[in-house]
């Protein structure tokens, strides 16, 4: 098994990355780096530079840090000749991800920008079914409770935290994967809490009759749905892409293997000496933040 270091032992690492690595035949969690979090039985560091020096045996770094500090860690890892796996979104800016891709190519190491929602059970068959269809419209309905999924995580509302586009980029990663035609943003209404620097809700309208409604204030049942209308019928993705319905008939149901699939893909990329860098979801988010109308709403507190 390949030794891997997990950097940033927060909620997503504990919920997804740690159990995925533990259950994989490809990976051995050889070390962690975090200011506070640790994993039982795994050597832990608080200094990334120290880990790189002391553990030359670790060839792969998986970064689960918030987007803003991620670039510096990735650049150091690449300079040290390590392969790098990036949680979504892969960076705080498009330019820094492009720079990392250039560095990785020059260093001859793998760089993988992961989008876990694309690995949901229904996404690949949805893409295959839509490939030869005429799409007449599509809509994203992505609404969840930030207090439930990011409890007390102030960074999500800080500059670079993306606000509602942190989960919203999951939906955008799916729709950019499955739609057979290009589309671009026309308008966006972005709702910013009076005391926050990133939006808590957004309504987006793209070309090709594609739209999106995103909200981080939904309590009770959570909504992660995408509907695509075609001249051949209607396709629905539910549960974040895990459940696919076509004309009301269930085609695929999920097994929650998004993160195992990501780590399987990383193992394949490293083995083949390849990289996979896709920033298309980030482009749409950046367009929304550039083009969007800013609407001030009530202050938000955790």
C-alpha atoms as a PDB file:
ATOM      1  CA  UNK A   1       0.000   0.000   0.000  1.00  0.00           C
ATOM      2  CA  UNK A   2       1.110   3.552  -0.762  1.00  0.00           C
ATOM      3  CA  UNK A   3       1.790   5.762   2.281  1.00  0.00           C
ATOM      4  CA  UNK A   4      -0.284   8.939   2.260  1.00  0.00           C
ATOM      5  CA  UNK A   5      -0.426  11.994   4.520  1.00  0.00           C
ATOM      6  CA  UNK A   6      -3.733  13.688   5.267  1.00  0.00           C
ATOM      7  CA  UNK A   7      -3.454  17.428   5.928  1.00  0.00           C
ATOM      8  CA  UNK A   8      -6.288  19.154   7.765  1.00  0.00           C
ATOM      9  CA  UNK A   9      -8.126  16.881  10.184  1.00  0.00           C
ATOM     10  CA  UNK A  10     -11.474  18.646  10.252  1.00  0.00           C
ATOM     11  CA  UNK A  11     -15.035  17.466   9.705  1.00  0.00           C
ATOM     12  CA  UNK A  12     -14.680  16.379   6.070  1.00  0.00           C
ATOM     13  CA  UNK A  13     -11.462  14.508   6.817  1.00  0.00           C
ATOM     14  CA  UNK A  14     -12.961  12.677   9.781  1.00  0.00           C
ATOM     15  CA  UNK A  15     -16.279  11.950   8.055  1.00  0.00           C
ATOM     16  CA  UNK A  16     -14.960  10.904   4.646  1.00  0.00           C
ATOM     17  CA  UNK A  17     -11.204  10.775   4.078  1.00  0.00           C
ATOM     18  CA  UNK A  18     -10.091   8.832   7.159  1.00  0.00           C
ATOM     19  CA  UNK A  19     -12.608   5.969   6.845  1.00  0.00           C
ATOM     20  CA  UNK A  20     -12.070   5.817   3.066  1.00  0.00           C
ATOM     21  CA  UNK A  21      -8.305   5.438   3.408  1.00  0.00           C
ATOM     22  CA  UNK A  22      -8.757   2.898   6.211  1.00  0.00           C
ATOM     23  CA  UNK A  23     -10.964   0.792   3.957  1.00  0.00           C
ATOM     24  CA  UNK A  24      -8.727   0.963   0.884  1.00  0.00           C
ATOM     25  CA  UNK A  25      -6.287  -1.663  -0.350  1.00  0.00           C
ATOM     26  CA  UNK A  26      -4.273   1.068  -2.132  1.00  0.00           C
ATOM     27  CA  UNK A  27      -3.478   3.432   0.720  1.00  0.00           C
ATOM     28  CA  UNK A  28      -1.897   3.490   4.161  1.00  0.00           C
ATOM     29  CA  UNK A  29      -2.527   6.579   6.300  1.00  0.00           C
ATOM     30  CA  UNK A  30       1.068   7.114   7.386  1.00  0.00           C
ATOM     31  CA  UNK A  31       0.795  10.589   8.931  1.00  0.00           C
ATOM     32  CA  UNK A  32      -1.488  13.547   9.525  1.00  0.00           C
ATOM     33  CA  UNK A  33      -0.837  17.267   9.741  1.00  0.00           C
ATOM     34  CA  UNK A  34      -3.252  19.482  11.645  1.00  0.00           C
ATOM     35  CA  UNK A  35      -3.238  22.253  14.192  1.00  0.00           C
ATOM     36  CA  UNK A  36      -5.585  20.305  16.455  1.00  0.00           C
ATOM     37  CA  UNK A  37      -7.043  17.145  14.952  1.00  0.00           C
ATOM     38  CA  UNK A  38      -5.398  13.722  15.081  1.00  0.00           C
ATOM     39  CA  UNK A  39      -6.254  10.156  14.072  1.00  0.00           C
ATOM     40  CA  UNK A  40      -5.800   7.379  16.616  1.00  0.00           C
ATOM     41  CA  UNK A  41      -2.742   5.277  15.911  1.00  0.00           C
ATOM     42  CA  UNK A  42      -1.395   7.561  13.188  1.00  0.00           C
ATOM     43  CA  UNK A  43       1.731   9.733  13.643  1.00  0.00           C
ATOM     44  CA  UNK A  44       0.657  13.367  13.783  1.00  0.00           C
ATOM     45  CA  UNK A  45       2.413  16.632  13.025  1.00  0.00           C
ATOM     46  CA  UNK A  46       1.485  20.250  13.493  1.00  0.00           C
ATOM     47  CA  UNK A  47       4.213  21.475  11.119  1.00  0.00           C
ATOM     48  CA  UNK A  48       3.931  20.511   7.450  1.00  0.00           C
ATOM     49  CA  UNK A  49       7.546  21.368   6.654  1.00  0.00           C
ATOM     50  CA  UNK A  50       8.723  19.087   9.443  1.00  0.00           C
ATOM     51  CA  UNK A  51       6.601  16.228   8.117  1.00  0.00           C
ATOM     52  CA  UNK A  52       8.023  16.647   4.607  1.00  0.00           C
ATOM     53  CA  UNK A  53      11.577  16.514   5.946  1.00  0.00           C
ATOM     54  CA  UNK A  54      11.059  13.629   8.377  1.00  0.00           C
ATOM     55  CA  UNK A  55       8.868  11.455   6.154  1.00  0.00           C
ATOM     56  CA  UNK A  56      10.455  11.069   2.713  1.00  0.00           C
ATOM     57  CA  UNK A  57       8.684   7.700   2.516  1.00  0.00           C
ATOM     58  CA  UNK A  58       5.320   9.459   2.108  1.00  0.00           C
ATOM     59  CA  UNK A  59       4.829  10.058  -1.601  1.00  0.00           C
ATOM     60  CA  UNK A  60       1.248  11.350  -1.643  1.00  0.00           C
ATOM     61  CA  UNK A  61      -0.360  14.295   0.159  1.00  0.00           C
ATOM     62  CA  UNK A  62      -4.130  14.715   0.431  1.00  0.00           C
ATOM     63  CA  UNK A  63      -5.090  18.275   1.329  1.00  0.00           C
ATOM     64  CA  UNK A  64      -8.342  18.782   3.236  1.00  0.00           C
ATOM     65  CA  UNK A  65      -7.624  22.330   4.371  1.00  0.00           C
ATOM     66  CA  UNK A  66      -9.978  25.235   3.609  1.00  0.00           C
ATOM     67  CA  UNK A  67      -9.340  26.736   0.151  1.00  0.00           C
ATOM     68  CA  UNK A  68      -7.359  29.846   1.140  1.00  0.00           C
ATOM     69  CA  UNK A  69      -4.295  28.189   2.765  1.00  0.00           C
ATOM     70  CA  UNK A  70      -4.313  25.208   0.403  1.00  0.00           C
ATOM     71  CA  UNK A  71      -2.069  26.668  -2.296  1.00  0.00           C
ATOM     72  CA  UNK A  72       0.968  27.118  -0.039  1.00  0.00           C
ATOM     73  CA  UNK A  73       0.766  23.528   1.193  1.00  0.00           C
ATOM     74  CA  UNK A  74       0.296  22.151  -2.306  1.00  0.00           C
ATOM     75  CA  UNK A  75       3.213  24.177  -3.667  1.00  0.00           C
ATOM     76  CA  UNK A  76       5.507  22.904  -0.890  1.00  0.00           C
ATOM     77  CA  UNK A  77       4.414  19.317  -1.470  1.00  0.00           C
ATOM     78  CA  UNK A  78       5.022  19.533  -5.210  1.00  0.00           C
ATOM     79  CA  UNK A  79       8.432  21.162  -4.650  1.00  0.00           C
ATOM     80  CA  UNK A  80       9.264  18.193  -2.386  1.00  0.00           C
ATOM     81  CA  UNK A  81       8.356  15.784  -5.172  1.00  0.00           C
ATOM     82  CA  UNK A  82       5.087  14.566  -3.668  1.00  0.00           C
ATOM     83  CA  UNK A  83       1.877  13.798  -5.527  1.00  0.00           C
ATOM     84  CA  UNK A  84      -1.038  16.010  -4.439  1.00  0.00           C
ATOM     85  CA  UNK A  85      -4.759  15.398  -4.104  1.00  0.00           C
ATOM     86  CA  UNK A  86      -6.938  18.472  -3.534  1.00  0.00           C
ATOM     87  CA  UNK A  87     -10.322  18.568  -1.809  1.00  0.00           C
ATOM     88  CA  UNK A  88     -12.935  20.590  -3.615  1.00  0.00           C
ATOM     89  CA  UNK A  89     -12.800  23.404  -4.502  1.00  0.00           C
ATOM     90  CA  UNK A  90      -9.165  22.894  -5.532  1.00  0.00           C
ATOM     91  CA  UNK A  91      -8.142  26.412  -4.560  1.00  0.00           C
ATOM     92  CA  UNK A  92      -9.252  29.888  -3.606  1.00  0.00           C
ATOM     93  CA  UNK A  93      -8.570  31.270  -7.101  1.00  0.00           C
ATOM     94  CA  UNK A  94      -8.383  29.977 -10.640  1.00  0.00           C
ATOM     95  CA  UNK A  95      -4.909  31.401 -11.158  1.00  0.00           C
ATOM     96  CA  UNK A  96      -3.404  29.496  -8.251  1.00  0.00           C
ATOM     97  CA  UNK A  97      -4.791  26.164  -9.470  1.00  0.00           C
ATOM     98  CA  UNK A  98      -3.337  26.885 -12.900  1.00  0.00           C
ATOM     99  CA  UNK A  99       0.005  27.637 -11.255  1.00  0.00           C
ATOM    100  CA  UNK A 100      -0.101  24.361  -9.321  1.00  0.00           C
ATOM    101  CA  UNK A 101      -0.820  22.442 -12.518  1.00  0.00           C
ATOM    102  CA  UNK A 102       2.223  24.019 -14.154  1.00  0.00           C
ATOM    103  CA  UNK A 103       4.386  23.189 -11.109  1.00  0.00           C
ATOM    104  CA  UNK A 104       3.189  19.586 -11.012  1.00  0.00           C
ATOM    105  CA  UNK A 105       3.890  19.068 -14.684  1.00  0.00           C
ATOM    106  CA  UNK A 106       7.399  20.497 -14.318  1.00  0.00           C
ATOM    107  CA  UNK A 107       8.061  18.332 -11.245  1.00  0.00           C
ATOM    108  CA  UNK A 108       6.677  15.192 -12.852  1.00  0.00           C
ATOM    109  CA  UNK A 109       4.142  14.554 -10.082  1.00  0.00           C
ATOM    110  CA  UNK A 110       0.405  13.959 -10.075  1.00  0.00           C
ATOM    111  CA  UNK A 111      -2.063  16.737  -9.284  1.00  0.00           C
ATOM    112  CA  UNK A 112      -5.701  15.718  -8.869  1.00  0.00           C
ATOM    113  CA  UNK A 113      -8.476  18.293  -8.433  1.00  0.00           C
ATOM    114  CA  UNK A 114     -11.257  16.202  -6.930  1.00  0.00           C
ATOM    115  CA  UNK A 115     -14.993  16.839  -7.323  1.00  0.00           C
ATOM    116  CA  UNK A 116     -16.592  14.177  -5.159  1.00  0.00           C
ATOM    117  CA  UNK A 117     -20.179  14.712  -6.337  1.00  0.00           C
ATOM    118  CA  UNK A 118     -19.210  13.633  -9.838  1.00  0.00           C
ATOM    119  CA  UNK A 119     -18.578  10.188  -8.356  1.00  0.00           C
ATOM    120  CA  UNK A 120     -22.177   9.838  -7.143  1.00  0.00           C
ATOM    121  CA  UNK A 121     -23.920   6.740  -8.445  1.00  0.00           C
ATOM    122  CA  UNK A 122     -26.285   8.455 -10.866  1.00  0.00           C
ATOM    123  CA  UNK A 123     -23.882  10.891 -12.515  1.00  0.00           C
ATOM    124  CA  UNK A 124     -22.157   8.639 -15.072  1.00  0.00           C
ATOM    125  CA  UNK A 125     -25.397   7.037 -16.346  1.00  0.00           C
ATOM    126  CA  UNK A 126     -27.023  10.484 -16.472  1.00  0.00           C
ATOM    127  CA  UNK A 127     -24.180  11.756 -18.629  1.00  0.00           C
ATOM    128  CA  UNK A 128     -24.426   8.723 -20.914  1.00  0.00           C
ATOM    129  CA  UNK A 129     -28.201   9.118 -21.347  1.00  0.00           C
ATOM    130  CA  UNK A 130     -27.946  12.850 -22.102  1.00  0.00           C
ATOM    131  CA  UNK A 131     -25.060  12.497 -24.560  1.00  0.00           C
ATOM    132  CA  UNK A 132     -27.272  12.295 -27.660  1.00  0.00           C
ATOM    133  CA  UNK A 133     -30.309  14.191 -26.315  1.00  0.00           C
ATOM    134  CA  UNK A 134     -31.538  17.677 -27.109  1.00  0.00           C
ATOM    135  CA  UNK A 135     -31.661  19.508 -23.801  1.00  0.00           C
ATOM    136  CA  UNK A 136     -34.426  22.100 -23.483  1.00  0.00           C
ATOM    137  CA  UNK A 137     -33.658  23.188 -19.929  1.00  0.00           C
ATOM    138  CA  UNK A 138     -32.118  22.272 -16.606  1.00  0.00           C
ATOM    139  CA  UNK A 139     -32.524  23.385 -13.009  1.00  0.00           C
ATOM    140  CA  UNK A 140     -30.475  22.939  -9.843  1.00  0.00           C
ATOM    141  CA  UNK A 141     -32.242  22.976  -6.467  1.00  0.00           C
ATOM    142  CA  UNK A 142     -29.475  22.775  -3.846  1.00  0.00           C
ATOM    143  CA  UNK A 143     -30.537  23.782  -0.352  1.00  0.00           C
ATOM    144  CA  UNK A 144     -29.050  22.689   2.948  1.00  0.00           C
ATOM    145  CA  UNK A 145     -28.401  23.781   6.510  1.00  0.00           C
ATOM    146  CA  UNK A 146     -24.955  25.328   7.016  1.00  0.00           C
ATOM    147  CA  UNK A 147     -25.224  24.828  10.774  1.00  0.00           C
ATOM    148  CA  UNK A 148     -25.541  21.085  10.234  1.00  0.00           C
ATOM    149  CA  UNK A 149     -22.786  20.609   7.668  1.00  0.00           C
ATOM    150  CA  UNK A 150     -20.318  23.319   8.723  1.00  0.00           C
ATOM    151  CA  UNK A 151     -20.987  23.761  12.454  1.00  0.00           C
ATOM    152  CA  UNK A 152     -19.134  26.792  13.737  1.00  0.00           C
ATOM    153  CA  UNK A 153     -16.788  26.891  10.730  1.00  0.00           C
ATOM    154  CA  UNK A 154     -16.379  30.632  10.348  1.00  0.00           C
ATOM    155  CA  UNK A 155     -14.011  30.252   7.380  1.00  0.00           C
ATOM    156  CA  UNK A 156     -16.922  29.427   5.051  1.00  0.00           C
ATOM    157  CA  UNK A 157     -18.163  33.003   5.384  1.00  0.00           C
ATOM    158  CA  UNK A 158     -14.705  34.605   5.185  1.00  0.00           C
ATOM    159  CA  UNK A 159     -13.229  35.841   1.887  1.00  0.00           C
ATOM    160  CA  UNK A 160     -12.297  32.788  -0.163  1.00  0.00           C
ATOM    161  CA  UNK A 161     -14.699  30.550   1.771  1.00  0.00           C
ATOM    162  CA  UNK A 162     -17.232  30.630  -1.092  1.00  0.00           C
ATOM    163  CA  UNK A 163     -20.296  30.721   1.157  1.00  0.00           C
ATOM    164  CA  UNK A 164     -23.225  28.832  -0.341  1.00  0.00           C
ATOM    165  CA  UNK A 165     -21.055  27.948  -3.332  1.00  0.00           C
ATOM    166  CA  UNK A 166     -19.062  25.572  -1.145  1.00  0.00           C
ATOM    167  CA  UNK A 167     -21.915  23.057  -1.413  1.00  0.00           C
ATOM    168  CA  UNK A 168     -23.195  24.709  -4.576  1.00  0.00           C
ATOM    169  CA  UNK A 169     -20.026  23.817  -6.430  1.00  0.00           C
ATOM    170  CA  UNK A 170     -20.997  20.172  -5.923  1.00  0.00           C
ATOM    171  CA  UNK A 171     -24.121  20.729  -7.986  1.00  0.00           C
ATOM    172  CA  UNK A 172     -22.224  22.750 -10.565  1.00  0.00           C
ATOM    173  CA  UNK A 173     -19.597  20.004 -10.809  1.00  0.00           C
ATOM    174  CA  UNK A 174     -22.378  17.566 -11.698  1.00  0.00           C
ATOM    175  CA  UNK A 175     -24.153  19.721 -14.232  1.00  0.00           C
ATOM    176  CA  UNK A 176     -20.924  20.662 -16.014  1.00  0.00           C
ATOM    177  CA  UNK A 177     -20.185  16.940 -16.220  1.00  0.00           C
ATOM    178  CA  UNK A 178     -23.540  15.698 -17.530  1.00  0.00           C
ATOM    179  CA  UNK A 179     -24.830  18.375 -19.900  1.00  0.00           C
ATOM    180  CA  UNK A 180     -23.831  17.712 -23.518  1.00  0.00           C
ATOM    181  CA  UNK A 181     -23.587  21.393 -24.484  1.00  0.00           C
ATOM    182  CA  UNK A 182     -21.677  24.427 -23.189  1.00  0.00           C
ATOM    183  CA  UNK A 183     -23.466  27.116 -21.196  1.00  0.00           C
ATOM    184  CA  UNK A 184     -22.471  30.341 -19.473  1.00  0.00           C
ATOM    185  CA  UNK A 185     -23.874  32.671 -16.859  1.00  0.00           C
ATOM    186  CA  UNK A 186     -26.280  35.478 -17.741  1.00  0.00           C
ATOM    187  CA  UNK A 187     -27.432  36.808 -14.352  1.00  0.00           C
ATOM    188  CA  UNK A 188     -27.034  36.086 -10.658  1.00  0.00           C
ATOM    189  CA  UNK A 189     -28.658  37.364  -7.481  1.00  0.00           C
ATOM    190  CA  UNK A 190     -26.399  36.804  -4.478  1.00  0.00           C
ATOM    191  CA  UNK A 191     -27.737  37.195  -0.947  1.00  0.00           C
ATOM    192  CA  UNK A 192     -25.095  38.255   1.564  1.00  0.00           C
ATOM    193  CA  UNK A 193     -25.819  38.345   5.297  1.00  0.00           C
ATOM    194  CA  UNK A 194     -25.184  41.843   6.582  1.00  0.00           C
ATOM    195  CA  UNK A 195     -22.323  40.547   8.755  1.00  0.00           C
ATOM    196  CA  UNK A 196     -20.694  38.164   6.246  1.00  0.00           C
ATOM    197  CA  UNK A 197     -18.336  38.358   3.264  1.00  0.00           C
ATOM    198  CA  UNK A 198     -19.708  35.462   1.206  1.00  0.00           C
ATOM    199  CA  UNK A 199     -23.265  34.694   0.048  1.00  0.00           C
ATOM    200  CA  UNK A 200     -25.688  32.500   1.966  1.00  0.00           C
ATOM    201  CA  UNK A 201     -28.058  32.089  -0.985  1.00  0.00           C
ATOM    202  CA  UNK A 202     -27.957  32.577  -4.750  1.00  0.00           C
ATOM    203  CA  UNK A 203     -30.182  32.382  -7.806  1.00  0.00           C
ATOM    204  CA  UNK A 204     -28.328  31.851 -11.089  1.00  0.00           C
ATOM    205  CA  UNK A 205     -29.511  31.944 -14.688  1.00  0.00           C
ATOM    206  CA  UNK A 206     -27.301  30.516 -17.408  1.00  0.00           C
ATOM    207  CA  UNK A 207     -27.758  30.270 -21.161  1.00  0.00           C
ATOM    208  CA  UNK A 208     -29.494  27.216 -22.637  1.00  0.00           C
ATOM    209  CA  UNK A 209     -32.338  27.668 -20.107  1.00  0.00           C
ATOM    210  CA  UNK A 210     -30.146  26.374 -17.261  1.00  0.00           C
ATOM    211  CA  UNK A 211     -30.839  27.804 -13.804  1.00  0.00           C
ATOM    212  CA  UNK A 212     -29.900  27.230 -10.196  1.00  0.00           C
ATOM    213  CA  UNK A 213     -31.343  27.979  -6.772  1.00  0.00           C
ATOM    214  CA  UNK A 214     -28.872  27.638  -3.886  1.00  0.00           C
ATOM    215  CA  UNK A 215     -29.580  28.269  -0.210  1.00  0.00           C
ATOM    216  CA  UNK A 216     -27.675  27.548   2.994  1.00  0.00           C
ATOM    217  CA  UNK A 217     -30.575  28.290   5.336  1.00  0.00           C
ATOM    218  CA  UNK A 218     -32.738  25.209   4.784  1.00  0.00           C
ATOM    219  CA  UNK A 219     -33.717  23.369   7.943  1.00  0.00           C
ATOM    220  CA  UNK A 220     -35.372  19.954   8.056  1.00  0.00           C
ATOM    221  CA  UNK A 221     -35.073  17.790   4.919  1.00  0.00           C
ATOM    222  CA  UNK A 222     -32.150  18.799   2.711  1.00  0.00           C
ATOM    223  CA  UNK A 223     -32.495  19.307  -1.063  1.00  0.00           C
ATOM    224  CA  UNK A 224     -29.809  18.199  -3.518  1.00  0.00           C
ATOM    225  CA  UNK A 225     -31.672  17.847  -6.812  1.00  0.00           C
ATOM    226  CA  UNK A 226     -31.042  18.448 -10.507  1.00  0.00           C
ATOM    227  CA  UNK A 227     -33.717  18.257 -13.221  1.00  0.00           C
ATOM    228  CA  UNK A 228     -32.877  18.137 -16.927  1.00  0.00           C
ATOM    229  CA  UNK A 229     -35.621  18.491 -19.531  1.00  0.00           C
ATOM    230  CA  UNK A 230     -35.049  17.022 -22.990  1.00  0.00           C
ATOM    231  CA  UNK A 231     -37.132  16.373 -26.103  1.00  0.00           C
ATOM    232  CA  UNK A 232     -36.912  12.673 -25.149  1.00  0.00           C
ATOM    233  CA  UNK A 233     -38.116  13.085 -21.557  1.00  0.00           C
ATOM    234  CA  UNK A 234     -37.132  14.308 -18.108  1.00  0.00           C
ATOM    235  CA  UNK A 235     -34.092  13.266 -16.100  1.00  0.00           C
ATOM    236  CA  UNK A 236     -33.910  13.787 -12.345  1.00  0.00           C
ATOM    237  CA  UNK A 237     -30.911  13.413 -10.059  1.00  0.00           C
ATOM    238  CA  UNK A 238     -31.714  13.289  -6.343  1.00  0.00           C
ATOM    239  CA  UNK A 239     -29.723  12.901  -3.135  1.00  0.00           C
ATOM    240  CA  UNK A 240     -26.729  14.782  -4.494  1.00  0.00           C
ATOM    241  CA  UNK A 241     -26.524  12.649  -7.624  1.00  0.00           C
ATOM    242  CA  UNK A 242     -26.821   9.258  -5.922  1.00  0.00           C
ATOM    243  CA  UNK A 243     -30.303   8.547  -7.291  1.00  0.00           C
ATOM    244  CA  UNK A 244     -31.148   8.775 -11.003  1.00  0.00           C
ATOM    245  CA  UNK A 245     -34.688   8.846 -12.364  1.00  0.00           C
ATOM    246  CA  UNK A 246     -35.595   9.015 -16.056  1.00  0.00           C
ATOM    247  CA  UNK A 247     -39.254   9.600 -16.875  1.00  0.00           C
ATOM    248  CA  UNK A 248     -40.115   8.570 -13.326  1.00  0.00           C
ATOM    249  CA  UNK A 249     -38.277   5.258 -13.501  1.00  0.00           C
ATOM    250  CA  UNK A 250     -35.374   4.647 -11.123  1.00  0.00           C
ATOM    251  CA  UNK A 251     -32.242   3.884 -13.129  1.00  0.00           C
ATOM    252  CA  UNK A 252     -29.555   4.003 -10.433  1.00  0.00           C
ATOM    253  CA  UNK A 253     -29.449   4.261  -6.652  1.00  0.00           C
ATOM    254  CA  UNK A 254     -26.398   5.237  -4.654  1.00  0.00           C
ATOM    255  CA  UNK A 255     -24.022   3.268  -2.498  1.00  0.00           C
ATOM    256  CA  UNK A 256     -22.203   6.325  -1.063  1.00  0.00           C
ATOM    257  CA  UNK A 257     -18.860   5.492  -2.692  1.00  0.00           C
ATOM    258  CA  UNK A 258     -17.941   9.022  -3.747  1.00  0.00           C
ATOM    259  CA  UNK A 259     -14.756   9.277  -1.685  1.00  0.00           C
ATOM    260  CA  UNK A 260     -13.620   5.681  -2.258  1.00  0.00           C
ATOM    261  CA  UNK A 261     -13.982   6.397  -5.980  1.00  0.00           C
ATOM    262  CA  UNK A 262     -11.835   9.525  -5.625  1.00  0.00           C
ATOM    263  CA  UNK A 263      -9.065   7.602  -3.918  1.00  0.00           C
ATOM    264  CA  UNK A 264      -9.328   4.814  -6.510  1.00  0.00           C
ATOM    265  CA  UNK A 265      -8.882   7.455  -9.196  1.00  0.00           C
ATOM    266  CA  UNK A 266      -5.901   9.001  -7.390  1.00  0.00           C
ATOM    267  CA  UNK A 267      -4.211   5.595  -7.206  1.00  0.00           C
ATOM    268  CA  UNK A 268      -4.769   5.157 -10.940  1.00  0.00           C
ATOM    269  CA  UNK A 269      -3.377   8.603 -11.764  1.00  0.00           C
ATOM    270  CA  UNK A 270      -0.242   8.070  -9.663  1.00  0.00           C
ATOM    271  CA  UNK A 271       0.311   4.649 -11.205  1.00  0.00           C
ATOM    272  CA  UNK A 272       0.033   6.077 -14.723  1.00  0.00           C
ATOM    273  CA  UNK A 273       2.060   9.225 -14.009  1.00  0.00           C
ATOM    274  CA  UNK A 274      -0.890  11.426 -14.967  1.00  0.00           C
ATOM    275  CA  UNK A 275      -2.718  14.454 -13.581  1.00  0.00           C
ATOM    276  CA  UNK A 276      -6.372  15.476 -13.707  1.00  0.00           C
ATOM    277  CA  UNK A 277      -7.074  19.178 -13.323  1.00  0.00           C
ATOM    278  CA  UNK A 278     -10.583  20.508 -13.978  1.00  0.00           C
ATOM    279  CA  UNK A 279     -11.647  23.959 -12.828  1.00  0.00           C
ATOM    280  CA  UNK A 280     -14.900  24.263 -14.790  1.00  0.00           C
ATOM    281  CA  UNK A 281     -17.095  24.377 -11.642  1.00  0.00           C
ATOM    282  CA  UNK A 282     -14.853  27.099 -10.216  1.00  0.00           C
ATOM    283  CA  UNK A 283     -15.232  29.126 -13.405  1.00  0.00           C
ATOM    284  CA  UNK A 284     -19.005  29.271 -12.972  1.00  0.00           C
ATOM    285  CA  UNK A 285     -18.653  30.246  -9.310  1.00  0.00           C
ATOM    286  CA  UNK A 286     -16.156  32.968 -10.217  1.00  0.00           C
ATOM    287  CA  UNK A 287     -18.548  34.223 -12.917  1.00  0.00           C
ATOM    288  CA  UNK A 288     -21.357  34.407 -10.358  1.00  0.00           C
ATOM    289  CA  UNK A 289     -19.229  36.377  -7.925  1.00  0.00           C
ATOM    290  CA  UNK A 290     -18.146  38.711 -10.758  1.00  0.00           C
ATOM    291  CA  UNK A 291     -21.519  39.213 -12.416  1.00  0.00           C
ATOM    292  CA  UNK A 292     -23.863  38.771  -9.468  1.00  0.00           C
ATOM    293  CA  UNK A 293     -26.065  41.454  -7.956  1.00  0.00           C
ATOM    294  CA  UNK A 294     -25.335  41.824  -4.239  1.00  0.00           C
ATOM    295  CA  UNK A 295     -28.432  41.699  -2.036  1.00  0.00           C
ATOM    296  CA  UNK A 296     -28.048  42.290   1.721  1.00  0.00           C
ATOM    297  CA  UNK A 297     -30.139  40.062   3.991  1.00  0.00           C
ATOM    298  CA  UNK A 298     -30.387  39.485   7.742  1.00  0.00           C
ATOM    299  CA  UNK A 299     -27.153  38.826   9.668  1.00  0.00           C
ATOM    300  CA  UNK A 300     -26.226  35.191  10.158  1.00  0.00           C
ATOM    301  CA  UNK A 301     -24.827  33.639  13.330  1.00  0.00           C
ATOM    302  CA  UNK A 302     -23.916  30.030  14.053  1.00  0.00           C
END
